[in-house]
């Protein structure tokens, strides 16, 4: 079963949801989403961290995102 990652847009209901494309890119277009072949792969992508100025963290967009099955 395929999976994707989505999160509510910071613009709220104007945009709706945005979809994970890669570590640095999200899209409003459902068709541009990255499709994962397993829940485990989606969870690994959702747990990606960023290290900046000596701090490692999970970006808020990923922290607040959900994994959806298709």
C-alpha atoms as a PDB file:
ATOM      1  CA  UNK A   1       0.000   0.000   0.000  1.00  0.00           C
ATOM      2  CA  UNK A   2       1.464   3.423  -0.931  1.00  0.00           C
ATOM      3  CA  UNK A   3       1.810   6.271   1.579  1.00  0.00           C
ATOM      4  CA  UNK A   4       2.454  10.008   1.496  1.00  0.00           C
ATOM      5  CA  UNK A   5       3.121  12.757   4.048  1.00  0.00           C
ATOM      6  CA  UNK A   6       0.922  15.835   4.382  1.00  0.00           C
ATOM      7  CA  UNK A   7       0.533  18.755   6.751  1.00  0.00           C
ATOM      8  CA  UNK A   8      -1.813  21.761   6.962  1.00  0.00           C
ATOM      9  CA  UNK A   9      -0.519  24.845   5.170  1.00  0.00           C
ATOM     10  CA  UNK A  10       0.601  27.743   7.342  1.00  0.00           C
ATOM     11  CA  UNK A  11      -1.847  29.822   5.284  1.00  0.00           C
ATOM     12  CA  UNK A  12      -4.704  27.770   6.694  1.00  0.00           C
ATOM     13  CA  UNK A  13      -7.830  27.089   4.706  1.00  0.00           C
ATOM     14  CA  UNK A  14      -6.676  29.360   1.866  1.00  0.00           C
ATOM     15  CA  UNK A  15      -4.321  26.612   0.672  1.00  0.00           C
ATOM     16  CA  UNK A  16      -5.433  23.557   2.651  1.00  0.00           C
ATOM     17  CA  UNK A  17      -2.807  20.831   2.854  1.00  0.00           C
ATOM     18  CA  UNK A  18       0.727  20.729   1.515  1.00  0.00           C
ATOM     19  CA  UNK A  19       2.448  17.499   0.526  1.00  0.00           C
ATOM     20  CA  UNK A  20       5.991  16.287   1.153  1.00  0.00           C
ATOM     21  CA  UNK A  21       8.109  16.171  -2.008  1.00  0.00           C
ATOM     22  CA  UNK A  22      11.597  15.920  -0.451  1.00  0.00           C
ATOM     23  CA  UNK A  23      13.540  17.134   2.547  1.00  0.00           C
ATOM     24  CA  UNK A  24      13.596  20.709   1.262  1.00  0.00           C
ATOM     25  CA  UNK A  25      10.384  20.953  -0.710  1.00  0.00           C
ATOM     26  CA  UNK A  26       6.634  20.777  -0.069  1.00  0.00           C
ATOM     27  CA  UNK A  27       3.937  21.289  -2.676  1.00  0.00           C
ATOM     28  CA  UNK A  28       0.295  22.356  -2.725  1.00  0.00           C
ATOM     29  CA  UNK A  29      -0.190  19.965  -5.650  1.00  0.00           C
ATOM     30  CA  UNK A  30      -1.307  16.486  -4.617  1.00  0.00           C
ATOM     31  CA  UNK A  31       0.165  15.052  -7.828  1.00  0.00           C
ATOM     32  CA  UNK A  32       3.681  16.235  -6.880  1.00  0.00           C
ATOM     33  CA  UNK A  33       3.763  14.366  -3.553  1.00  0.00           C
ATOM     34  CA  UNK A  34       6.419  11.732  -2.900  1.00  0.00           C
ATOM     35  CA  UNK A  35       4.886   8.276  -2.731  1.00  0.00           C
ATOM     36  CA  UNK A  36       6.445   5.817  -0.301  1.00  0.00           C
ATOM     37  CA  UNK A  37       6.009   2.086  -0.842  1.00  0.00           C
ATOM     38  CA  UNK A  38       5.806   1.350   2.893  1.00  0.00           C
ATOM     39  CA  UNK A  39       4.781   2.986   6.145  1.00  0.00           C
ATOM     40  CA  UNK A  40       8.339   2.474   7.408  1.00  0.00           C
ATOM     41  CA  UNK A  41       9.839   4.518   4.557  1.00  0.00           C
ATOM     42  CA  UNK A  42       7.367   7.333   5.226  1.00  0.00           C
ATOM     43  CA  UNK A  43       8.193   7.270   8.952  1.00  0.00           C
ATOM     44  CA  UNK A  44      11.925   7.489   8.195  1.00  0.00           C
ATOM     45  CA  UNK A  45      11.338  10.544   5.967  1.00  0.00           C
ATOM     46  CA  UNK A  46       9.087  12.127   8.624  1.00  0.00           C
ATOM     47  CA  UNK A  47      11.843  11.692  11.236  1.00  0.00           C
ATOM     48  CA  UNK A  48      14.497  13.520   9.169  1.00  0.00           C
ATOM     49  CA  UNK A  49      16.471  16.017  11.207  1.00  0.00           C
ATOM     50  CA  UNK A  50      18.253  19.245  10.386  1.00  0.00           C
ATOM     51  CA  UNK A  51      21.420  20.379  12.124  1.00  0.00           C
ATOM     52  CA  UNK A  52      21.962  24.120  12.156  1.00  0.00           C
ATOM     53  CA  UNK A  53      24.344  26.113  14.350  1.00  0.00           C
ATOM     54  CA  UNK A  54      25.036  23.036  16.463  1.00  0.00           C
ATOM     55  CA  UNK A  55      21.354  22.231  17.089  1.00  0.00           C
ATOM     56  CA  UNK A  56      19.645  19.166  15.673  1.00  0.00           C
ATOM     57  CA  UNK A  57      15.882  19.219  15.319  1.00  0.00           C
ATOM     58  CA  UNK A  58      12.917  17.941  13.326  1.00  0.00           C
ATOM     59  CA  UNK A  59      11.348  20.843  11.389  1.00  0.00           C
ATOM     60  CA  UNK A  60       7.885  21.853  12.624  1.00  0.00           C
ATOM     61  CA  UNK A  61       6.318  20.979   9.271  1.00  0.00           C
ATOM     62  CA  UNK A  62       7.469  17.366   9.625  1.00  0.00           C
ATOM     63  CA  UNK A  63       6.730  17.238  13.350  1.00  0.00           C
ATOM     64  CA  UNK A  64       3.118  18.262  12.705  1.00  0.00           C
ATOM     65  CA  UNK A  65       2.697  16.170   9.533  1.00  0.00           C
ATOM     66  CA  UNK A  66       0.691  12.990   9.189  1.00  0.00           C
ATOM     67  CA  UNK A  67       1.331   9.868   7.153  1.00  0.00           C
ATOM     68  CA  UNK A  68      -1.603   8.939   4.952  1.00  0.00           C
ATOM     69  CA  UNK A  69      -2.257   5.679   3.152  1.00  0.00           C
ATOM     70  CA  UNK A  70      -3.601   5.858  -0.375  1.00  0.00           C
END
